[in-house]
Amino acid sequence: MANDTGSEGTSASSPSEVMEESVARAFAEFPDDIYAKLFDVRSLVFQTATETAGVGEVVETLKWGQPSYLTERPKSGTTIRFGVSKDDRPALFFHCQTSLISEFRDIYDGQFDFEGNRCLILRDDADDQQDALEYCISQALTYHLRK
């Protein structure tokens, strides 16, 4: 699999900034319900980045055709990708060689569903996932600071 970006991505300090056209097209390909959920998570990524000490500048780009968020200057974290789970639910994907999914599974089993060692699936029936999701995002954005 290759990186589809074709550009360096868009650096953004808040989700209100204009989204790169290729990322917008990837979002537009999601079904409406998944689009809405992941677009909200996008806002949470940028919000969490500004509220979490040590997080580098967040860059929004495409990786493997999926909206992706990574830190630069410094590279404090690991990439978060947005996509759809095998059973067609909104999902966040993390590098499979990190311990993130294992950690999230230990803490949030029952609040999120998981696929393998790289996928956190958002559940419609889970009560307020905001705090738990913010924690997971902050752990990904600071992963290299803790290694």
C-alpha atoms as a PDB file:
ATOM      1  CA  MET A   1       0.000   0.000   0.000  1.00  0.00           C
ATOM      2  CA  ALA A   2       1.287   3.406  -0.896  1.00  0.00           C
ATOM      3  CA  ASN A   3       0.577   6.832   0.432  1.00  0.00           C
ATOM      4  CA  ASP A   4      -1.966   8.495  -1.873  1.00  0.00           C
ATOM      5  CA  THR A   5      -1.326  12.039  -0.789  1.00  0.00           C
ATOM      6  CA  GLY A   6       0.322  13.448  -3.867  1.00  0.00           C
ATOM      7  CA  SER A   7       1.101  16.408  -1.604  1.00  0.00           C
ATOM      8  CA  GLU A   8       2.451  17.063   1.822  1.00  0.00           C
ATOM      9  CA  GLY A   9      -1.001  17.377   3.386  1.00  0.00           C
ATOM     10  CA  THR A  10      -2.550  20.303   5.153  1.00  0.00           C
ATOM     11  CA  SER A  11      -1.315  21.587   8.451  1.00  0.00           C
ATOM     12  CA  ALA A  12      -4.130  22.811  10.615  1.00  0.00           C
ATOM     13  CA  SER A  13      -4.440  24.140  14.102  1.00  0.00           C
ATOM     14  CA  SER A  14      -8.206  23.854  14.132  1.00  0.00           C
ATOM     15  CA  PRO A  15     -10.793  21.935  12.108  1.00  0.00           C
ATOM     16  CA  SER A  16     -12.363  25.183  10.940  1.00  0.00           C
ATOM     17  CA  GLU A  17      -9.451  25.627   8.584  1.00  0.00           C
ATOM     18  CA  VAL A  18      -9.998  24.499   5.020  1.00  0.00           C
ATOM     19  CA  MET A  19      -9.653  20.770   4.465  1.00  0.00           C
ATOM     20  CA  GLU A  20      -7.358  19.623   1.673  1.00  0.00           C
ATOM     21  CA  GLU A  21      -9.403  18.705  -1.416  1.00  0.00           C
ATOM     22  CA  SER A  22      -8.249  15.074  -1.471  1.00  0.00           C
ATOM     23  CA  VAL A  23      -9.207  14.645   2.195  1.00  0.00           C
ATOM     24  CA  ALA A  24     -12.602  16.258   1.550  1.00  0.00           C
ATOM     25  CA  ARG A  25     -13.185  13.791  -1.312  1.00  0.00           C
ATOM     26  CA  ALA A  26     -12.299  10.865   0.977  1.00  0.00           C
ATOM     27  CA  PHE A  27     -14.758  12.136   3.588  1.00  0.00           C
ATOM     28  CA  ALA A  28     -17.434  12.542   0.901  1.00  0.00           C
ATOM     29  CA  GLU A  29     -17.113   8.845   0.047  1.00  0.00           C
ATOM     30  CA  PHE A  30     -18.270   7.813   3.525  1.00  0.00           C
ATOM     31  CA  PRO A  31     -21.970   7.018   4.001  1.00  0.00           C
ATOM     32  CA  ASP A  32     -23.777   9.991   5.583  1.00  0.00           C
ATOM     33  CA  ASP A  33     -23.985   8.533   9.099  1.00  0.00           C
ATOM     34  CA  ILE A  34     -20.292   7.579   9.117  1.00  0.00           C
ATOM     35  CA  TYR A  35     -19.321  10.926   7.588  1.00  0.00           C
ATOM     36  CA  ALA A  36     -21.107  12.786  10.404  1.00  0.00           C
ATOM     37  CA  LYS A  37     -19.540  10.690  13.162  1.00  0.00           C
ATOM     38  CA  LEU A  38     -15.998  10.856  11.754  1.00  0.00           C
ATOM     39  CA  PHE A  39     -16.282  14.560  10.975  1.00  0.00           C
ATOM     40  CA  ASP A  40     -17.080  15.113  14.677  1.00  0.00           C
ATOM     41  CA  VAL A  41     -14.051  12.992  15.601  1.00  0.00           C
ATOM     42  CA  ARG A  42     -11.939  15.131  13.256  1.00  0.00           C
ATOM     43  CA  SER A  43     -12.846  18.165  15.353  1.00  0.00           C
ATOM     44  CA  LEU A  44     -11.948  16.231  18.487  1.00  0.00           C
ATOM     45  CA  VAL A  45      -8.507  15.358  17.056  1.00  0.00           C
ATOM     46  CA  PHE A  46      -7.659  19.042  16.576  1.00  0.00           C
ATOM     47  CA  GLN A  47      -9.188  20.044  19.920  1.00  0.00           C
ATOM     48  CA  THR A  48      -7.295  17.302  21.759  1.00  0.00           C
ATOM     49  CA  ALA A  49      -4.059  18.269  20.030  1.00  0.00           C
ATOM     50  CA  THR A  50      -4.311  21.838  21.302  1.00  0.00           C
ATOM     51  CA  GLU A  51      -5.186  20.694  24.834  1.00  0.00           C
ATOM     52  CA  THR A  52      -2.508  17.990  25.198  1.00  0.00           C
ATOM     53  CA  ALA A  53       0.989  18.945  26.293  1.00  0.00           C
ATOM     54  CA  GLY A  54       3.823  17.933  23.974  1.00  0.00           C
ATOM     55  CA  VAL A  55       1.722  17.295  20.877  1.00  0.00           C
ATOM     56  CA  GLY A  56       3.386  18.384  17.672  1.00  0.00           C
ATOM     57  CA  GLU A  57       1.669  20.245  14.868  1.00  0.00           C
ATOM     58  CA  VAL A  58      -1.140  18.066  13.487  1.00  0.00           C
ATOM     59  CA  VAL A  59      -1.128  17.481   9.741  1.00  0.00           C
ATOM     60  CA  GLU A  60      -4.241  16.248   7.930  1.00  0.00           C
ATOM     61  CA  THR A  61      -3.549  14.181   4.830  1.00  0.00           C
ATOM     62  CA  LEU A  62      -4.458  10.901   3.110  1.00  0.00           C
ATOM     63  CA  LYS A  63      -2.795   7.594   3.846  1.00  0.00           C
ATOM     64  CA  TRP A  64      -4.058   4.526   2.042  1.00  0.00           C
ATOM     65  CA  GLY A  65      -6.925   6.653   0.732  1.00  0.00           C
ATOM     66  CA  GLN A  66      -8.152   7.479   4.244  1.00  0.00           C
ATOM     67  CA  PRO A  67      -8.235  10.788   6.116  1.00  0.00           C
ATOM     68  CA  SER A  68      -5.201  10.668   8.415  1.00  0.00           C
ATOM     69  CA  TYR A  69      -3.830  12.784  11.221  1.00  0.00           C
ATOM     70  CA  LEU A  70      -0.176  12.811  12.198  1.00  0.00           C
ATOM     71  CA  THR A  71       2.083  15.013  14.235  1.00  0.00           C
ATOM     72  CA  GLU A  72       5.035  16.995  12.917  1.00  0.00           C
ATOM     73  CA  ARG A  73       7.507  19.321  14.600  1.00  0.00           C
ATOM     74  CA  PRO A  74       7.892  17.343  16.821  1.00  0.00           C
ATOM     75  CA  LYS A  75       6.717  13.923  15.698  1.00  0.00           C
ATOM     76  CA  SER A  76       5.171  13.234  19.073  1.00  0.00           C
ATOM     77  CA  GLY A  77       2.594  10.677  17.994  1.00  0.00           C
ATOM     78  CA  THR A  78       1.549   7.932  15.664  1.00  0.00           C
ATOM     79  CA  THR A  79      -0.874   8.313  12.767  1.00  0.00           C
ATOM     80  CA  ILE A  80      -4.628   8.096  13.304  1.00  0.00           C
ATOM     81  CA  ARG A  81      -6.588   7.087  10.202  1.00  0.00           C
ATOM     82  CA  PHE A  82     -10.361   7.299   9.747  1.00  0.00           C
ATOM     83  CA  GLY A  83     -12.246   4.565   7.946  1.00  0.00           C
ATOM     84  CA  VAL A  84     -14.936   1.944   8.053  1.00  0.00           C
ATOM     85  CA  SER A  85     -14.745  -1.331   9.958  1.00  0.00           C
ATOM     86  CA  LYS A  86     -15.304  -4.709   8.339  1.00  0.00           C
ATOM     87  CA  ASP A  87     -18.929  -4.536   9.492  1.00  0.00           C
ATOM     88  CA  ASP A  88     -19.444  -1.013   8.096  1.00  0.00           C
ATOM     89  CA  ARG A  89     -19.143   1.105  11.228  1.00  0.00           C
ATOM     90  CA  PRO A  90     -17.040   4.258  11.752  1.00  0.00           C
ATOM     91  CA  ALA A  91     -13.556   3.355  12.923  1.00  0.00           C
ATOM     92  CA  LEU A  92     -10.191   4.785  13.880  1.00  0.00           C
ATOM     93  CA  PHE A  93      -7.101   2.886  12.776  1.00  0.00           C
ATOM     94  CA  PHE A  94      -3.744   2.986  14.554  1.00  0.00           C
ATOM     95  CA  HIS A  95      -0.367   1.531  13.600  1.00  0.00           C
ATOM     96  CA  CYS A  96      -0.526  -2.207  14.282  1.00  0.00           C
ATOM     97  CA  GLN A  97       2.919  -2.294  15.908  1.00  0.00           C
ATOM     98  CA  THR A  98       1.908   0.090  18.682  1.00  0.00           C
ATOM     99  CA  SER A  99       0.371  -1.048  21.950  1.00  0.00           C
ATOM    100  CA  LEU A 100      -2.506   1.413  21.624  1.00  0.00           C
ATOM    101  CA  ILE A 101      -5.362  -0.946  20.757  1.00  0.00           C
ATOM    102  CA  SER A 102      -4.305  -3.357  23.488  1.00  0.00           C
ATOM    103  CA  GLU A 103      -4.321  -0.486  25.978  1.00  0.00           C
ATOM    104  CA  PHE A 104      -7.669   0.846  24.742  1.00  0.00           C
ATOM    105  CA  ARG A 105      -9.204  -2.628  24.856  1.00  0.00           C
ATOM    106  CA  ASP A 106      -8.089  -3.057  28.491  1.00  0.00           C
ATOM    107  CA  ILE A 107      -9.594   0.282  29.505  1.00  0.00           C
ATOM    108  CA  TYR A 108     -12.641   0.621  27.251  1.00  0.00           C
ATOM    109  CA  ASP A 109     -13.844  -2.919  26.476  1.00  0.00           C
ATOM    110  CA  GLY A 110     -17.612  -2.603  26.203  1.00  0.00           C
ATOM    111  CA  GLN A 111     -17.512   1.086  25.346  1.00  0.00           C
ATOM    112  CA  PHE A 112     -15.802   0.575  21.982  1.00  0.00           C
ATOM    113  CA  ASP A 113     -15.486  -2.469  19.765  1.00  0.00           C
ATOM    114  CA  PHE A 114     -12.148  -3.497  18.281  1.00  0.00           C
ATOM    115  CA  GLU A 115     -10.796  -5.371  15.262  1.00  0.00           C
ATOM    116  CA  GLY A 116      -7.407  -6.989  15.656  1.00  0.00           C
ATOM    117  CA  ASN A 117      -4.559  -4.823  16.903  1.00  0.00           C
ATOM    118  CA  ARG A 118      -5.219  -1.685  14.858  1.00  0.00           C
ATOM    119  CA  CYS A 119      -8.913  -0.760  14.793  1.00  0.00           C
ATOM    120  CA  LEU A 120     -11.143   1.023  17.330  1.00  0.00           C
ATOM    121  CA  ILE A 121     -14.799   0.949  16.270  1.00  0.00           C
ATOM    122  CA  LEU A 122     -17.218   3.643  17.377  1.00  0.00           C
ATOM    123  CA  ARG A 123     -20.482   2.275  18.743  1.00  0.00           C
ATOM    124  CA  ASP A 124     -23.871   3.914  18.298  1.00  0.00           C
ATOM    125  CA  ASP A 125     -25.191   2.421  21.521  1.00  0.00           C
ATOM    126  CA  ALA A 126     -22.337   3.516  23.770  1.00  0.00           C
ATOM    127  CA  ASP A 127     -23.107   6.341  26.151  1.00  0.00           C
ATOM    128  CA  ASP A 128     -21.072   9.486  25.762  1.00  0.00           C
ATOM    129  CA  GLN A 129     -17.813   8.371  24.182  1.00  0.00           C
ATOM    130  CA  GLN A 130     -16.310  11.865  24.097  1.00  0.00           C
ATOM    131  CA  ASP A 131     -14.021  11.569  27.135  1.00  0.00           C
ATOM    132  CA  ALA A 132     -12.894   8.048  26.251  1.00  0.00           C
ATOM    133  CA  LEU A 133     -12.279   9.010  22.645  1.00  0.00           C
ATOM    134  CA  GLU A 134     -10.355  12.103  23.694  1.00  0.00           C
ATOM    135  CA  TYR A 135      -8.137   9.908  25.868  1.00  0.00           C
ATOM    136  CA  CYS A 136      -7.476   7.492  22.984  1.00  0.00           C
ATOM    137  CA  ILE A 137      -6.657  10.351  20.623  1.00  0.00           C
ATOM    138  CA  SER A 138      -4.309  11.962  23.144  1.00  0.00           C
ATOM    139  CA  GLN A 139      -2.493   8.654  23.629  1.00  0.00           C
ATOM    140  CA  ALA A 140      -1.984   8.303  19.877  1.00  0.00           C
ATOM    141  CA  LEU A 141      -0.837  11.933  19.482  1.00  0.00           C
ATOM    142  CA  THR A 142       1.760  11.478  22.247  1.00  0.00           C
ATOM    143  CA  TYR A 143       2.724   7.850  21.607  1.00  0.00           C
ATOM    144  CA  HIS A 144       6.372   8.545  20.717  1.00  0.00           C
ATOM    145  CA  LEU A 145       6.831  10.712  23.806  1.00  0.00           C
ATOM    146  CA  ARG A 146       6.093   7.670  25.994  1.00  0.00           C
ATOM    147  CA  LYS A 147       8.020   4.969  24.084  1.00  0.00           C
END
